[in-house]
Amino acid sequence: MTDDDPKIIMSPLSQMFTADGITVSVAIYKLETSEGWSLELVDEGGNSTVWEDVFPIDQAAWDVFTLGVQEVGLARLIQPEDNPSNTVH
């Protein structure tokens, strides 16, 4: 990273999250020069699931994540072999 690279701003909503015996790192972040927040899940094996859409505020990203956990479960959000469309949301 050089001084010219924009800084990454991490949301205070970023955290470790456990459901159904699965733990993921929930990363909600944006570039300091960006308006939209990104949502990324990293499972215990280091596999990453990134939502394609960005969110206007960090709380919106968190809400989409928690709604997804409620509706389909954490395993379905992070395991693309169960649902190929979940590799990138």
Protein backbone atom coordinates (compact mmCIF):
# COMPACT_ATOMS: atom_id res chain seq x y z
CA MET A 1 0.00 0.00 0.00
CA THR A 2 1.36 3.39 -0.94
CA ASP A 3 0.41 6.80 0.40
CA ASP A 4 -1.65 7.32 -2.77
CA ASP A 5 -3.86 4.27 -2.11
CA PRO A 6 -7.21 5.05 -0.47
CA LYS A 7 -7.57 3.80 3.08
CA ILE A 8 -10.02 1.04 3.99
CA ILE A 9 -12.55 2.03 6.62
CA MET A 10 -13.85 -0.90 8.67
CA SER A 11 -17.33 -0.66 10.13
CA PRO A 12 -17.72 -1.15 13.87
CA LEU A 13 -20.36 -3.73 12.89
CA SER A 14 -17.61 -6.04 11.57
CA GLN A 15 -17.26 -9.02 13.89
CA MET A 16 -16.99 -12.75 14.34
CA PHE A 17 -20.42 -14.40 14.05
CA THR A 18 -21.46 -17.93 14.95
CA ALA A 19 -24.65 -19.74 13.98
CA ASP A 20 -25.46 -23.42 13.51
CA GLY A 21 -21.97 -24.38 14.69
CA ILE A 22 -20.32 -22.27 11.96
CA THR A 23 -18.16 -19.23 12.68
CA VAL A 24 -17.42 -16.55 10.09
CA SER A 25 -15.71 -13.22 10.07
CA VAL A 26 -18.21 -10.58 8.93
CA ALA A 27 -16.32 -7.71 7.31
CA ILE A 28 -18.19 -4.55 6.42
CA TYR A 29 -15.88 -1.98 4.89
CA LYS A 30 -15.44 0.75 2.31
CA LEU A 31 -12.67 2.74 0.72
CA GLU A 32 -12.41 6.22 2.17
CA THR A 33 -13.10 7.58 -1.33
CA SER A 34 -16.19 5.40 -1.82
CA GLU A 35 -19.78 5.99 -0.88
CA GLY A 36 -20.83 2.31 -0.68
CA TRP A 37 -20.12 -0.32 1.97
CA SER A 38 -19.04 -3.85 0.99
CA LEU A 39 -20.04 -7.03 2.80
CA GLU A 40 -17.69 -10.01 2.97
CA LEU A 41 -17.85 -13.26 4.93
CA VAL A 42 -14.73 -15.32 5.54
CA ASP A 43 -15.24 -18.83 6.89
CA GLU A 44 -12.90 -20.83 9.12
CA GLY A 45 -11.18 -22.28 6.02
CA GLY A 46 -10.36 -18.82 4.67
CA ASN A 47 -13.01 -18.98 1.93
CA SER A 48 -14.54 -15.62 1.08
CA THR A 49 -18.08 -14.74 0.05
CA VAL A 50 -18.54 -11.17 -1.18
CA TRP A 51 -21.81 -9.46 -2.02
CA GLU A 52 -21.70 -7.88 -5.46
CA ASP A 53 -23.89 -4.96 -4.45
CA VAL A 54 -22.66 -2.23 -2.16
CA PHE A 55 -24.79 -0.72 0.59
CA PRO A 56 -25.46 2.96 1.31
CA ILE A 57 -24.71 2.53 5.04
CA ASP A 58 -22.94 -0.16 7.04
CA GLN A 59 -26.13 -1.00 8.95
CA ALA A 60 -27.83 -1.96 5.66
CA ALA A 61 -25.06 -4.47 4.96
CA TRP A 62 -25.42 -5.96 8.44
CA ASP A 63 -29.22 -6.15 8.03
CA VAL A 64 -28.88 -8.03 4.72
CA PHE A 65 -26.46 -10.47 6.35
CA THR A 66 -28.63 -11.16 9.39
CA LEU A 67 -31.76 -11.50 7.25
CA GLY A 68 -29.92 -14.02 5.06
CA VAL A 69 -28.93 -16.02 8.15
CA GLN A 70 -32.56 -16.02 9.32
CA GLU A 71 -34.01 -16.94 5.91
CA VAL A 72 -31.55 -19.53 4.55
CA GLY A 73 -29.00 -20.16 7.31
CA LEU A 74 -25.35 -19.34 7.54
CA ALA A 75 -24.22 -22.51 5.77
CA ARG A 76 -26.18 -21.57 2.64
CA LEU A 77 -24.64 -18.10 2.61
CA ILE A 78 -21.06 -19.37 2.64
CA GLN A 79 -21.22 -22.68 0.77
CA PRO A 80 -21.52 -22.03 -2.97
CA GLU A 81 -21.67 -25.77 -3.74
CA ASP A 82 -25.09 -25.78 -2.12
CA ASN A 83 -26.19 -22.68 -4.00
CA PRO A 84 -23.83 -21.47 -6.78
CA SER A 85 -25.42 -18.03 -6.86
CA ASN A 86 -24.09 -17.37 -3.35
CA THR A 87 -20.43 -17.15 -4.37
CA VAL A 88 -21.01 -13.48 -5.07
CA HIS A 89 -24.26 -11.87 -3.97
